[in-house]
Structure formats: C-alpha cells, structure tokens
C-alpha atoms as a PDB file:
ATOM      1  CA  LYS A   1      92.594  96.969 103.473  1.00  0.00           C
ATOM      2  CA  VAL A   2      89.073  96.286 102.228  1.00  0.00           C
ATOM      3  CA  ASP A   3      86.310  95.161 104.548  1.00  0.00           C
ATOM      4  CA  GLY A   4      82.891  94.823 102.919  1.00  0.00           C
ATOM      5  CA  ALA A   5      82.130  98.118 101.216  1.00  0.00           C
ATOM      6  CA  THR A   6      84.696 100.186 103.148  1.00  0.00           C
ATOM      7  CA  ALA A   7      88.319 100.574 102.103  1.00  0.00           C
ATOM      8  CA  THR A   8      90.954 101.960 104.455  1.00  0.00           C
ATOM      9  CA  TYR A   9      94.287 103.321 103.248  1.00  0.00           C
ATOM     10  CA  ALA A  10      96.618 105.065 105.683  1.00  0.00           C
ATOM     11  CA  SER A  11      94.267 107.268 107.720  1.00  0.00           C
ATOM     12  CA  TRP A  12      91.608 107.603 104.994  1.00  0.00           C
ATOM     13  CA  THR A  13      88.427 105.585 104.883  1.00  0.00           C
ATOM     14  CA  ILE A  14      86.501 105.417 101.635  1.00  0.00           C
ATOM     15  CA  SER A  15      83.084 103.856 101.232  1.00  0.00           C
ATOM     16  CA  LEU A  16      82.779 102.055  97.923  1.00  0.00           C
ATOM     17  CA  VAL A  17      79.553 101.813  95.970  1.00  0.00           C
ATOM     18  CA  GLY A  18      78.346  98.241  95.620  1.00  0.00           C
ATOM     19  CA  ASN A  19      80.032  95.282  97.247  1.00  0.00           C
ATOM     20  CA  ALA A  20      83.785  95.490  96.912  1.00  0.00           C
ATOM     21  CA  GLY A  21      85.666  92.233  96.607  1.00  0.00           C
ATOM     22  CA  THR A  22      82.682  90.032  95.813  1.00  0.00           C
ATOM     23  CA  ASP A  23      83.647  88.905  92.317  1.00  0.00           C
ATOM     24  CA  GLY A  24      81.429  91.336  90.469  1.00  0.00           C
ATOM     25  CA  VAL A  25      78.283  91.027  92.566  1.00  0.00           C
ATOM     26  CA  ASN A  26      76.192  94.154  91.913  1.00  0.00           C
ATOM     27  CA  GLY A  27      78.439  95.002  88.963  1.00  0.00           C
ATOM     28  CA  ARG A  28      81.444  96.090  91.032  1.00  0.00           C
ATOM     29  CA  ASP A  29      84.665  94.416  92.144  1.00  0.00           C
ATOM     30  CA  TYR A  30      87.867  95.327  93.991  1.00  0.00           C
ATOM     31  CA  ILE A  31      91.206  94.159  92.575  1.00  0.00           C
ATOM     32  CA  ASN A  32      94.750  94.654  93.851  1.00  0.00           C
ATOM     33  CA  GLY A  33      96.685  92.119  91.798  1.00  0.00           C
ATOM     34  CA  ALA A  34      96.815  90.341  88.458  1.00  0.00           C
ATOM     35  CA  THR A  35      93.401  89.334  87.167  1.00  0.00           C
ATOM     36  CA  THR A  36      91.380  88.899  83.991  1.00  0.00           C
ATOM     37  CA  LEU A  37      88.697  91.561  83.709  1.00  0.00           C
ATOM     38  CA  VAL A  38      85.057  90.811  82.885  1.00  0.00           C
ATOM     39  CA  ALA A  39      82.961  93.073  80.649  1.00  0.00           C
ATOM     40  CA  GLY A  40      80.170  94.927  82.414  1.00  0.00           C
ATOM     41  CA  ILE A  41      81.989  95.262  85.741  1.00  0.00           C
ATOM     42  CA  THR A  42      83.288  98.435  87.414  1.00  0.00           C
ATOM     43  CA  TYR A  43      86.608  97.759  89.109  1.00  0.00           C
ATOM     44  CA  ASP A  44      88.148  99.617  92.035  1.00  0.00           C
ATOM     45  CA  VAL A  45      91.778  99.081  91.017  1.00  0.00           C
ATOM     46  CA  ASP A  46      94.089  99.357  94.037  1.00  0.00           C
ATOM     47  CA  SER A  47      97.775  99.486  93.123  1.00  0.00           C
ATOM     48  CA  SER A  48      98.867 101.162  96.369  1.00  0.00           C
ATOM     49  CA  SER A  49     101.027  98.099  97.190  1.00  0.00           C
ATOM     50  CA  GLY A  50     102.589  97.976  93.716  1.00  0.00           C
ATOM     51  CA  GLY A  51     101.762  97.798  90.048  1.00  0.00           C
ATOM     52  CA  PHE A  52     100.329  94.745  88.321  1.00  0.00           C
ATOM     53  CA  THR A  53      98.750  93.591  85.065  1.00  0.00           C
ATOM     54  CA  ALA A  54      95.033  93.236  84.475  1.00  0.00           C
ATOM     55  CA  THR A  55      94.041  91.367  81.314  1.00  0.00           C
ATOM     56  CA  MET A  56      91.198  92.621  79.140  1.00  0.00           C
ATOM     57  CA  PRO A  57      88.352  90.201  78.275  1.00  0.00           C
ATOM     58  CA  ALA A  58      89.068  87.847  75.349  1.00  0.00           C
ATOM     59  CA  SER A  59      86.916  88.019  72.195  1.00  0.00           C
ATOM     60  CA  PRO A  60      84.606  90.786  73.462  1.00  0.00           C
ATOM     61  CA  PRO A  61      81.394  91.637  71.594  1.00  0.00           C
ATOM     62  CA  VAL A  62      81.006  95.121  70.102  1.00  0.00           C
ATOM     63  CA  GLY A  63      79.839  97.489  72.835  1.00  0.00           C
ATOM     64  CA  ALA A  64      81.332  95.519  75.730  1.00  0.00           C
ATOM     65  CA  SER A  65      82.847  97.801  78.356  1.00  0.00           C
ATOM     66  CA  VAL A  66      84.967  97.742  81.493  1.00  0.00           C
ATOM     67  CA  THR A  67      85.125 100.650  83.952  1.00  0.00           C
ATOM     68  CA  LEU A  68      88.238 101.218  86.054  1.00  0.00           C
ATOM     69  CA  VAL A  69      88.719 103.660  88.935  1.00  0.00           C
ATOM     70  CA  ASP A  70      91.703 104.513  91.132  1.00  0.00           C
ATOM     71  CA  PRO A  71      90.134 104.799  94.619  1.00  0.00           C
ATOM     72  CA  PHE A  72      93.425 105.534  96.411  1.00  0.00           C
ATOM     73  CA  GLY A  73      95.139 107.760  93.844  1.00  0.00           C
ATOM     74  CA  ALA A  74      97.980 105.273  93.394  1.00  0.00           C
ATOM     75  CA  TRP A  75      98.296 104.735  89.626  1.00  0.00           C
ATOM     76  CA  GLY A  76     100.694 107.646  89.074  1.00  0.00           C
ATOM     77  CA  THR A  77     102.747 107.297  92.255  1.00  0.00           C
ATOM     78  CA  ASN A  78     106.077 105.773  93.251  1.00  0.00           C
ATOM     79  CA  ASP A  79     107.845 106.835  90.022  1.00  0.00           C
ATOM     80  CA  GLY A  80     105.532 104.644  87.956  1.00  0.00           C
ATOM     81  CA  ALA A  81     105.980 101.523  90.079  1.00  0.00           C
ATOM     82  CA  ASN A  82     102.278 101.616  90.999  1.00  0.00           C
ATOM     83  CA  SER A  83     100.967 101.874  87.449  1.00  0.00           C
ATOM     84  CA  VAL A  84      98.595  99.201  86.175  1.00  0.00           C
ATOM     85  CA  THR A  85      99.095  97.592  82.770  1.00  0.00           C
ATOM     86  CA  LEU A  86      96.037  96.509  80.804  1.00  0.00           C
ATOM     87  CA  ALA A  87      97.065  93.513  78.686  1.00  0.00           C
ATOM     88  CA  ARG A  88      95.184  93.642  75.389  1.00  0.00           C
ATOM     89  CA  ASN A  89      94.465  89.879  75.232  1.00  0.00           C
ATOM     90  CA  GLY A  90      94.445  89.765  71.430  1.00  0.00           C
ATOM     91  CA  SER A  91      92.429  92.949  70.803  1.00  0.00           C
ATOM     92  CA  ASN A  92      93.907  96.340  69.959  1.00  0.00           C
ATOM     93  CA  PHE A  93      93.681  99.565  71.928  1.00  0.00           C
ATOM     94  CA  ILE A  94      92.736 102.705  69.989  1.00  0.00           C
ATOM     95  CA  ASN A  95      95.403 105.391  70.384  1.00  0.00           C
ATOM     96  CA  ALA A  96      94.937 109.187  70.575  1.00  0.00           C
ATOM     97  CA  SER A  97      94.998 109.361  66.753  1.00  0.00           C
ATOM     98  CA  GLY A  98      92.041 106.974  66.516  1.00  0.00           C
ATOM     99  CA  VAL A  99      94.120 104.074  65.215  1.00  0.00           C
ATOM    100  CA  GLY A 100      93.917 100.560  66.676  1.00  0.00           C
ATOM    101  CA  VAL A 101      97.384  99.462  67.824  1.00  0.00           C
ATOM    102  CA  ALA A 102      98.590  96.106  69.107  1.00  0.00           C
ATOM    103  CA  GLU A 103      99.972  97.531  72.364  1.00  0.00           C
ATOM    104  CA  ASP A 104      99.060  97.207  76.014  1.00  0.00           C
ATOM    105  CA  PHE A 105      97.580 100.225  77.833  1.00  0.00           C
ATOM    106  CA  THR A 106      99.089 101.715  80.993  1.00  0.00           C
ATOM    107  CA  LEU A 107      97.077 103.372  83.752  1.00  0.00           C
ATOM    108  CA  ASN A 108      99.480 105.888  85.296  1.00  0.00           C
ATOM    109  CA  SER A 109      97.417 108.953  86.203  1.00  0.00           C
ATOM    110  CA  SER A 110      96.425 109.096  89.873  1.00  0.00           C
ATOM    111  CA  THR A 111      92.774 109.454  90.915  1.00  0.00           C
ATOM    112  CA  ALA A 112      91.677 108.729  87.364  1.00  0.00           C
ATOM    113  CA  GLY A 113      88.710 106.734  86.258  1.00  0.00           C
ATOM    114  CA  LEU A 114      87.756 105.616  82.786  1.00  0.00           C
ATOM    115  CA  GLU A 115      85.439 103.414  80.829  1.00  0.00           C
ATOM    116  CA  ILE A 116      86.964 101.299  78.074  1.00  0.00           C
ATOM    117  CA  THR A 117      84.545 100.162  75.371  1.00  0.00           C
ATOM    118  CA  PHE A 118      85.109  97.612  72.613  1.00  0.00           C
ATOM    119  CA  ILE A 119      84.362  99.425  69.341  1.00  0.00           C
ATOM    120  CA  TYR A 120      84.989  96.862  66.601  1.00  0.00           C
ATOM    121  CA  THR A 121      87.210  93.860  65.860  1.00  0.00           C
ATOM    122  CA  SER A 122      89.576  95.732  63.524  1.00  0.00           C
ATOM    123  CA  THR A 123      89.959  98.754  65.819  1.00  0.00           C
ATOM    124  CA  GLY A 124      89.616  97.407  69.374  1.00  0.00           C
ATOM    125  CA  TRP A 125      89.158  98.988  72.812  1.00  0.00           C
ATOM    126  CA  ARG A 126      88.725 102.754  73.215  1.00  0.00           C
ATOM    127  CA  ALA A 127      89.028 104.704  76.467  1.00  0.00           C
ATOM    128  CA  ILE A 128      85.984 106.922  76.826  1.00  0.00           C
END
C-alpha cells in the first residue's frame, strides 16, 4: 500500500524519496502494474502482488534513461511469478556480450536497482 511518500508492505514501512504515485512529479513514480515508462523518471517498481510488463519509451533520443528500483525485494520471488518484463517497444536491449538484441528484458533479482540508458539506434538500451 502506498500513501504519499510512505510505502507499507507486511510489517515494513519504507519512506520513498520524492512523491510516489504522482505520475513522475519530482522525477519519481510508483508503479505496480502494466505501464509505459517515461525517460528521465525513477520508478519504484512494486511487483509484490504479481509480475507485469512495463514498456520502454518509444523512439528514445540517445542518452535517454530510465531508473528502476525494487523497493520491496519482490522481483526474484515467488518462483519468478513476481518478475517484471521490460518490453523493448521497437528498440533493442544490449546483452552481456555488448550486442543489441531484439528481446525483452526481465527484472528477476530481488532488491535490485538499475539505470537503463539508450545508447544508439542500432544498439539500443543498456543496463548500467
């Protein structure tokens, strides 16, 4: 449950930086279901109620970035059922070998956080 800038999960209360759940006001937003991401926003991605798909921005400019954090440590839980899929939306994701591939990206490591930056049209998004 999110109320203003405080999130409560089970018996834990976490204060979030910025204004959670206000559609990107102050550069931060809280999501817990399917959405299209906006470059320049940090997202608190809550999949504690189940996994979902978040779609990357379409036609991003070089240098655009999206930051994603797992505030409740849910991405890698429930035998993968709480993982979050990042739909590529026409742009590639750069794999561990440095090659742009036309595949979606799965967030499945609990308590992780990462910034994903658009490198170039032919290569795509890279997790930093």
